[in-house]
């Protein structure tokens, strides 16, 4: 597994998205816990330590109404691509009050983040990386 430094931690370059997990019915209303455990165990055994839950709890607590999950996705793309063009282009298309620089660093989003992501530090770092 390839690992990259991310805020002082070694994060697997390959992550596991957890937005669509195995289900037990055709209505997608009940997660198959056994199959999910098997998938996650397999990922961990093979070195994956980045699990993206795309929870969005943070968005309802941001006084600036930033699309934090989207900004985090762009930040990750920018970091892992070594500063590619996609994130700067996407950020450039946003209104100023929706860019990472609009983050107030109030940490209201962090208070509800189940993953304990240091969102305000990430937004600040993103602003610096985009300069």
Protein backbone atom coordinates (compact mmCIF):
# COMPACT_ATOMS: atom_id res chain seq x y z
CA UNK A 1 0.00 0.00 0.00
CA UNK A 2 1.21 3.48 -0.79
CA UNK A 3 0.81 5.96 2.05
CA UNK A 4 0.92 9.74 1.94
CA UNK A 5 1.40 12.25 4.73
CA UNK A 6 -1.88 13.93 5.61
CA UNK A 7 -1.86 16.41 8.48
CA UNK A 8 0.97 14.47 10.13
CA UNK A 9 -0.58 11.02 9.65
CA UNK A 10 0.17 8.29 7.11
CA UNK A 11 -2.97 7.92 5.04
CA UNK A 12 -3.45 5.19 2.46
CA UNK A 13 -3.49 6.54 -1.09
CA UNK A 14 -6.36 4.17 -1.76
CA UNK A 15 -9.47 4.87 0.26
CA UNK A 16 -12.74 3.05 0.74
CA UNK A 17 -15.93 4.94 0.06
CA UNK A 18 -18.64 4.08 2.54
CA UNK A 19 -21.57 5.90 0.98
CA UNK A 20 -22.82 2.75 -0.79
CA UNK A 21 -22.54 -0.35 1.38
CA UNK A 22 -24.03 -3.81 0.73
CA UNK A 23 -27.75 -4.00 1.50
CA UNK A 24 -30.13 -6.80 2.40
CA UNK A 25 -33.11 -5.64 0.34
CA UNK A 26 -33.90 -4.12 -3.03
CA UNK A 27 -35.02 -0.83 -1.47
CA UNK A 28 -31.50 -0.16 -0.11
CA UNK A 29 -33.04 0.46 3.30
CA UNK A 30 -31.04 -2.02 5.40
CA UNK A 31 -27.26 -2.41 5.41
CA UNK A 32 -25.92 -5.96 5.33
CA UNK A 33 -23.72 -5.71 8.42
CA UNK A 34 -21.98 -9.04 7.89
CA UNK A 35 -20.98 -8.25 4.30
CA UNK A 36 -19.94 -4.73 5.32
CA UNK A 37 -17.70 -6.07 8.11
CA UNK A 38 -16.14 -8.51 5.65
CA UNK A 39 -15.42 -5.71 3.15
CA UNK A 40 -13.96 -3.38 5.78
CA UNK A 41 -11.86 -6.16 7.34
CA UNK A 42 -10.49 -6.99 3.89
CA UNK A 43 -9.63 -3.34 3.23
CA UNK A 44 -7.86 -2.97 6.60
CA UNK A 45 -5.91 -6.22 6.15
CA UNK A 46 -4.70 -4.85 2.82
CA UNK A 47 -3.52 -1.55 4.26
CA UNK A 48 -6.45 0.78 3.70
CA UNK A 49 -6.82 3.23 6.56
CA UNK A 50 -8.81 5.95 4.80
CA UNK A 51 -12.57 5.44 4.93
CA UNK A 52 -14.74 8.14 3.41
CA UNK A 53 -18.17 8.22 5.02
CA UNK A 54 -19.36 11.41 3.29
CA UNK A 55 -21.51 12.11 6.33
CA UNK A 56 -22.13 15.88 5.76
CA UNK A 57 -22.92 16.64 9.45
CA UNK A 58 -20.56 19.58 9.21
CA UNK A 59 -22.51 21.40 6.50
CA UNK A 60 -25.48 22.23 8.72
CA UNK A 61 -23.21 23.78 11.34
CA UNK A 62 -21.07 25.99 9.11
CA UNK A 63 -22.10 29.65 9.52
CA UNK A 64 -20.72 30.34 6.03
CA UNK A 65 -22.71 27.43 4.57
CA UNK A 66 -19.59 26.03 2.89
CA UNK A 67 -19.89 22.73 1.06
CA UNK A 68 -17.23 21.25 3.33
CA UNK A 69 -17.32 17.67 1.96
CA UNK A 70 -16.80 18.97 -1.58
CA UNK A 71 -13.97 21.25 -0.41
CA UNK A 72 -12.35 18.30 1.40
CA UNK A 73 -12.62 16.20 -1.78
CA UNK A 74 -10.93 19.00 -3.75
CA UNK A 75 -8.28 19.39 -1.04
CA UNK A 76 -7.53 15.66 -1.14
CA UNK A 77 -7.35 15.69 -4.94
CA UNK A 78 -4.97 18.65 -4.82
CA UNK A 79 -2.71 17.07 -2.18
CA UNK A 80 -2.62 13.62 -3.79
CA UNK A 81 -2.10 14.92 -7.31
CA UNK A 82 0.84 16.99 -6.13
CA UNK A 83 -0.94 20.25 -6.92
CA UNK A 84 -2.80 19.44 -10.11
CA UNK A 85 -5.08 21.78 -12.00
CA UNK A 86 -8.50 20.33 -11.08
CA UNK A 87 -8.87 21.80 -7.58
CA UNK A 88 -7.65 25.31 -8.48
CA UNK A 89 -10.00 25.33 -11.47
CA UNK A 90 -12.98 24.15 -9.38
CA UNK A 91 -12.23 26.56 -6.54
CA UNK A 92 -11.81 29.38 -9.03
CA UNK A 93 -15.35 28.83 -10.25
CA UNK A 94 -16.84 29.24 -6.75
CA UNK A 95 -18.08 32.57 -5.38
CA UNK A 96 -15.59 34.06 -2.90
CA UNK A 97 -17.93 33.38 0.03
CA UNK A 98 -17.89 29.62 -0.76
CA UNK A 99 -14.13 29.15 -1.17
CA UNK A 100 -11.88 27.64 1.55
CA UNK A 101 -10.70 31.17 2.35
CA UNK A 102 -14.24 31.98 3.58
CA UNK A 103 -13.81 29.55 6.49
CA UNK A 104 -14.00 31.48 9.77
CA UNK A 105 -12.05 28.80 11.69
CA UNK A 106 -14.85 28.82 14.25
CA UNK A 107 -14.69 25.00 14.46
CA UNK A 108 -18.48 24.61 14.67
CA UNK A 109 -18.16 21.95 11.97
CA UNK A 110 -15.48 20.12 13.92
CA UNK A 111 -17.69 19.89 16.99
CA UNK A 112 -20.07 17.58 15.09
CA UNK A 113 -17.56 15.69 12.95
CA UNK A 114 -17.70 11.98 13.87
CA UNK A 115 -14.28 11.50 12.26
CA UNK A 116 -12.67 14.32 14.26
CA UNK A 117 -11.36 15.94 11.08
CA UNK A 118 -9.55 19.20 11.75
CA UNK A 119 -11.57 20.96 9.07
CA UNK A 120 -10.51 24.52 9.89
CA UNK A 121 -6.82 23.55 9.68
CA UNK A 122 -7.49 21.75 6.40
CA UNK A 123 -9.22 24.82 4.93
CA UNK A 124 -6.32 27.05 6.04
CA UNK A 125 -3.80 24.64 4.54
CA UNK A 126 -5.82 24.50 1.32
CA UNK A 127 -5.73 28.29 1.03
CA UNK A 128 -1.94 28.20 1.41
CA UNK A 129 -1.53 25.38 -1.12
CA UNK A 130 -3.61 27.29 -3.67
CA UNK A 131 -1.32 30.36 -3.55
